[in-house]
C-alpha atoms as a PDB file:
ATOM      1  CA  MET A   1       0.085   0.013  -0.004  1.00  0.00           C
ATOM      2  CA  THR A   2       1.369   3.323  -0.822  1.00  0.00           C
ATOM      3  CA  HIS A   3       1.194   6.131   1.827  1.00  0.00           C
ATOM      4  CA  SER A   4       0.857   9.198  -0.493  1.00  0.00           C
ATOM      5  CA  PHE A   5      -1.759  11.489   1.257  1.00  0.00           C
ATOM      6  CA  GLN A   6      -0.889  13.996   3.891  1.00  0.00           C
ATOM      7  CA  ILE A   7      -3.559  14.676   6.680  1.00  0.00           C
ATOM      8  CA  GLY A   8      -4.864  17.786   5.055  1.00  0.00           C
ATOM      9  CA  GLU A   9      -5.773  15.866   1.735  1.00  0.00           C
ATOM     10  CA  VAL A  10      -7.185  13.007   3.745  1.00  0.00           C
ATOM     11  CA  SER A  11      -9.394  15.530   5.590  1.00  0.00           C
ATOM     12  CA  ARG A  12     -10.683  17.009   2.268  1.00  0.00           C
ATOM     13  CA  GLN A  13     -11.335  13.522   0.909  1.00  0.00           C
ATOM     14  CA  THR A  14     -13.195  12.195   3.958  1.00  0.00           C
ATOM     15  CA  GLY A  15     -14.956  15.247   5.357  1.00  0.00           C
ATOM     16  CA  VAL A  16     -13.229  14.487   8.686  1.00  0.00           C
ATOM     17  CA  SER A  17     -11.371  17.465  10.373  1.00  0.00           C
ATOM     18  CA  VAL A  18      -7.617  17.136  10.849  1.00  0.00           C
ATOM     19  CA  ASP A  19      -8.151  17.400  14.654  1.00  0.00           C
ATOM     20  CA  THR A  20     -10.678  14.458  14.534  1.00  0.00           C
ATOM     21  CA  ILE A  21      -8.333  12.294  12.572  1.00  0.00           C
ATOM     22  CA  ARG A  22      -5.568  12.869  15.057  1.00  0.00           C
ATOM     23  CA  PHE A  23      -8.181  12.005  17.766  1.00  0.00           C
ATOM     24  CA  TYR A  24      -9.123   8.866  16.048  1.00  0.00           C
ATOM     25  CA  GLU A  25      -5.501   7.767  15.918  1.00  0.00           C
ATOM     26  CA  LYS A  26      -5.025   8.595  19.738  1.00  0.00           C
ATOM     27  CA  GLU A  27      -8.256   6.457  20.337  1.00  0.00           C
ATOM     28  CA  LYS A  28      -6.820   3.691  18.338  1.00  0.00           C
ATOM     29  CA  LEU A  29      -9.710   3.973  15.776  1.00  0.00           C
ATOM     30  CA  LEU A  30      -7.188   4.432  13.144  1.00  0.00           C
ATOM     31  CA  ARG A  31      -3.672   2.991  13.174  1.00  0.00           C
ATOM     32  CA  GLU A  32      -0.724   5.255  13.668  1.00  0.00           C
ATOM     33  CA  PRO A  33       0.294   6.657  10.191  1.00  0.00           C
ATOM     34  CA  VAL A  34       3.465   6.123   8.415  1.00  0.00           C
ATOM     35  CA  ARG A  35       5.725   9.424   8.614  1.00  0.00           C
ATOM     36  CA  SER A  36       7.610  11.018   5.896  1.00  0.00           C
ATOM     37  CA  GLY A  37      11.187  11.924   6.225  1.00  0.00           C
ATOM     38  CA  GLY A  38      10.082  15.394   7.210  1.00  0.00           C
ATOM     39  CA  GLY A  39       7.791  13.881   9.946  1.00  0.00           C
ATOM     40  CA  PHE A  40       4.519  14.368   8.072  1.00  0.00           C
ATOM     41  CA  ARG A  41       1.588  11.957   8.619  1.00  0.00           C
ATOM     42  CA  LEU A  42       1.230   9.761   5.441  1.00  0.00           C
ATOM     43  CA  TYR A  43      -2.018   7.826   4.719  1.00  0.00           C
ATOM     44  CA  GLY A  44      -3.080   5.322   2.136  1.00  0.00           C
ATOM     45  CA  ALA A  45      -6.322   4.454   0.431  1.00  0.00           C
ATOM     46  CA  ALA A  46      -7.051   2.051   3.207  1.00  0.00           C
ATOM     47  CA  ASP A  47      -6.837   4.655   5.883  1.00  0.00           C
ATOM     48  CA  ILE A  48      -9.269   6.790   3.768  1.00  0.00           C
ATOM     49  CA  GLU A  49     -11.747   3.966   3.621  1.00  0.00           C
ATOM     50  CA  GLN A  50     -11.470   3.472   7.290  1.00  0.00           C
ATOM     51  CA  LEU A  51     -12.171   7.046   8.139  1.00  0.00           C
ATOM     52  CA  LYS A  52     -15.191   6.912   5.788  1.00  0.00           C
ATOM     53  CA  PHE A  53     -16.430   3.813   7.550  1.00  0.00           C
ATOM     54  CA  ILE A  54     -16.039   5.549  10.994  1.00  0.00           C
ATOM     55  CA  ARG A  55     -17.887   8.625   9.735  1.00  0.00           C
ATOM     56  CA  ASN A  56     -20.764   6.442   8.276  1.00  0.00           C
ATOM     57  CA  ALA A  57     -21.087   4.407  11.473  1.00  0.00           C
ATOM     58  CA  GLN A  58     -21.382   7.717  13.403  1.00  0.00           C
ATOM     59  CA  GLU A  59     -24.122   8.917  11.041  1.00  0.00           C
ATOM     60  CA  LEU A  60     -26.015   5.611  11.889  1.00  0.00           C
ATOM     61  CA  GLY A  61     -25.771   6.628  15.580  1.00  0.00           C
ATOM     62  CA  PHE A  62     -22.824   4.322  16.820  1.00  0.00           C
ATOM     63  CA  ALA A  63     -20.747   5.785  19.535  1.00  0.00           C
ATOM     64  CA  LEU A  64     -16.970   5.379  19.246  1.00  0.00           C
ATOM     65  CA  VAL A  65     -16.765   2.539  21.530  1.00  0.00           C
ATOM     66  CA  GLU A  66     -19.186   0.624  19.408  1.00  0.00           C
ATOM     67  CA  ILE A  67     -17.391   1.618  16.229  1.00  0.00           C
ATOM     68  CA  LYS A  68     -14.132   0.141  17.571  1.00  0.00           C
ATOM     69  CA  GLU A  69     -16.110  -3.028  18.050  1.00  0.00           C
ATOM     70  CA  LEU A  70     -17.329  -2.849  14.507  1.00  0.00           C
ATOM     71  CA  LEU A  71     -13.913  -2.331  13.117  1.00  0.00           C
ATOM     72  CA  VAL A  72     -12.744  -5.584  14.955  1.00  0.00           C
ATOM     73  CA  LEU A  73     -15.715  -7.406  13.529  1.00  0.00           C
ATOM     74  CA  GLN A  74     -15.350  -6.010   9.974  1.00  0.00           C
ATOM     75  CA  ASP A  75     -12.960  -8.683   8.744  1.00  0.00           C
ATOM     76  CA  ASP A  76     -14.878 -11.607  10.577  1.00  0.00           C
ATOM     77  CA  SER A  77     -17.993 -11.751   8.321  1.00  0.00           C
ATOM     78  CA  VAL A  78     -20.014 -14.829   9.373  1.00  0.00           C
ATOM     79  CA  GLU A  79     -19.595 -14.606  13.056  1.00  0.00           C
ATOM     80  CA  ALA A  80     -19.653 -10.858  12.948  1.00  0.00           C
ATOM     81  CA  CYS A  81     -23.084 -10.736  11.192  1.00  0.00           C
ATOM     82  CA  SER A  82     -24.964 -12.059  14.204  1.00  0.00           C
ATOM     83  CA  HIS A  83     -23.207  -9.799  16.630  1.00  0.00           C
ATOM     84  CA  ILE A  84     -23.749  -6.868  14.516  1.00  0.00           C
ATOM     85  CA  ARG A  85     -27.472  -7.742  14.261  1.00  0.00           C
ATOM     86  CA  GLU A  86     -27.582  -7.626  17.992  1.00  0.00           C
ATOM     87  CA  LEU A  87     -25.837  -4.229  18.002  1.00  0.00           C
ATOM     88  CA  LEU A  88     -28.413  -3.017  15.534  1.00  0.00           C
ATOM     89  CA  GLU A  89     -31.404  -4.342  17.446  1.00  0.00           C
ATOM     90  CA  ARG A  90     -30.122  -2.374  20.664  1.00  0.00           C
ATOM     91  CA  LYS A  91     -29.459   0.696  18.627  1.00  0.00           C
ATOM     92  CA  LEU A  92     -32.959   0.539  17.143  1.00  0.00           C
ATOM     93  CA  ASP A  93     -34.434   0.034  20.573  1.00  0.00           C
ATOM     94  CA  LEU A  94     -32.652   3.171  21.684  1.00  0.00           C
ATOM     95  CA  VAL A  95     -33.774   5.214  18.681  1.00  0.00           C
ATOM     96  CA  ARG A  96     -37.386   3.965  19.106  1.00  0.00           C
ATOM     97  CA  GLN A  97     -37.272   5.083  22.781  1.00  0.00           C
ATOM     98  CA  LYS A  98     -35.878   8.532  21.855  1.00  0.00           C
ATOM     99  CA  ILE A  99     -38.645   8.984  19.297  1.00  0.00           C
ATOM    100  CA  GLU A 100     -41.097   8.070  21.966  1.00  0.00           C
ATOM    101  CA  ASP A 101     -39.478  10.728  24.341  1.00  0.00           C
ATOM    102  CA  LEU A 102     -39.414  13.391  21.583  1.00  0.00           C
ATOM    103  CA  LEU A 103     -43.155  12.750  20.792  1.00  0.00           C
ATOM    104  CA  LYS A 104     -43.936  13.338  24.470  1.00  0.00           C
ATOM    105  CA  LEU A 105     -41.757  16.493  24.389  1.00  0.00           C
ATOM    106  CA  GLU A 106     -43.586  17.664  21.223  1.00  0.00           C
ATOM    107  CA  SER A 107     -46.932  17.052  22.732  1.00  0.00           C
ATOM    108  CA  GLY A 108     -46.063  18.977  25.823  1.00  0.00           C
ATOM    109  CA  LEU A 109     -44.570  21.851  23.794  1.00  0.00           C
ATOM    110  CA  ARG A 110     -47.815  22.012  21.684  1.00  0.00           C
ATOM    111  CA  LYS A 111     -49.941  22.016  24.736  1.00  0.00           C
ATOM    112  CA  GLY A 112     -47.818  24.946  26.239  1.00  0.00           C
ATOM    113  CA  LEU A 113     -48.264  26.811  22.976  1.00  0.00           C
ATOM    114  CA  ARG A 114     -52.010  26.444  22.987  1.00  0.00           C
ATOM    115  CA  LYS A 115     -52.174  27.706  26.527  1.00  0.00           C
ATOM    116  CA  CYS A 116     -49.916  30.744  25.575  1.00  0.00           C
ATOM    117  CA  ASN A 117     -52.213  31.537  22.628  1.00  0.00           C
ATOM    118  CA  ARG A 118     -55.357  31.253  24.641  1.00  0.00           C
ATOM    119  CA  SER A 119     -53.903  33.410  27.419  1.00  0.00           C
ATOM    120  CA  LEU A 120     -52.823  35.999  24.968  1.00  0.00           C
ATOM    121  CA  LYS A 121     -56.172  35.996  23.119  1.00  0.00           C
ATOM    122  CA  LYS A 122     -58.028  36.571  26.359  1.00  0.00           C
ATOM    123  CA  ALA A 123     -55.654  39.269  27.570  1.00  0.00           C
ATOM    124  CA  ALA A 124     -55.890  41.028  24.025  1.00  0.00           C
ATOM    125  CA  ASP A 125     -54.347  44.475  24.446  1.00  0.00           C
ATOM    126  CA  SER A 126     -53.662  44.134  28.316  1.00  0.00           C
ATOM    127  CA  HIS A 127     -50.899  42.213  29.748  1.00  0.00           C
ATOM    128  CA  PRO A 128     -51.788  38.977  31.513  1.00  0.00           C
ATOM    129  CA  LYS A 129     -51.011  38.782  35.164  1.00  0.00           C
ATOM    130  CA  GLY A 130     -49.143  35.491  34.717  1.00  0.00           C
ATOM    131  CA  CYS A 131     -48.061  33.090  32.181  1.00  0.00           C
ATOM    132  CA  PRO A 132     -49.953  29.847  32.316  1.00  0.00           C
ATOM    133  CA  VAL A 133     -46.898  27.849  31.067  1.00  0.00           C
ATOM    134  CA  LEU A 134     -44.660  29.356  33.679  1.00  0.00           C
ATOM    135  CA  GLU A 135     -47.251  28.607  36.283  1.00  0.00           C
ATOM    136  CA  GLN A 136     -47.496  24.987  35.174  1.00  0.00           C
ATOM    137  CA  ILE A 137     -43.759  24.519  35.138  1.00  0.00           C
ATOM    138  CA  ALA A 138     -43.546  25.893  38.806  1.00  0.00           C
ATOM    139  CA  ARG A 139     -46.199  23.451  39.811  1.00  0.00           C
ATOM    140  CA  ALA A 140     -44.332  20.552  38.294  1.00  0.00           C
ATOM    141  CA  ASN A 141     -41.288  21.699  40.191  1.00  0.00           C
ATOM    142  CA  GLY A 142     -43.208  21.452  43.493  1.00  0.00           C
ATOM    143  CA  GLY A 143     -44.174  25.013  43.583  1.00  0.00           C
ATOM    144  CA  LYS A 144     -40.578  26.044  43.916  1.00  0.00           C
ATOM    145  CA  LYS A 145     -39.178  28.653  41.759  1.00  0.00           C
ATOM    146  CA  ALA A 146     -36.122  27.668  39.665  1.00  0.00           C
ATOM    147  CA  VAL A 147     -32.825  29.630  40.399  1.00  0.00           C
END
C-alpha cells in the first residue's frame, strides 16, 4: 500500500477534520500513520476507507466504543453478522425510545403553546398577570421557583 496522502488531503477526501483524524489515531480507531522523512503523517487508500467507515457508522448513531467493536468485527464476516445484528437491534430500541420521548416532548410543547395562545387572546391588549406555562412549570417543580 502506498502512503501518499498527507492529513490535510485525507481530511478533504473524507470530510473528517484534521483534529478528528488525530483524535481517532489517539483512540486507536485509526492506526498510527507512516511518517515522511520530514515527519508528516502519510495515509493510504485503506486509511481513507476506514475514516469513511467511521464517519458512516457515526451517522448511523454508533458511539466510538461501538465503532471500535465494528472495526474489529469487520473482517470476521460470518460470526460478525449475528453480533452486528444484536448491536443494530439495541441501537434500534434506543432510537425508538428517543422517538417516543421526543413525541412526548412535542406534545408538551404543543400544549404549552396552545395555553399561551389562549392566554394572549383573552388578554388582548392588556398584559396578562401571569403566564400559564410558567405557572405549570412551577407546579411541576413542586411550586418552587427555579434559580
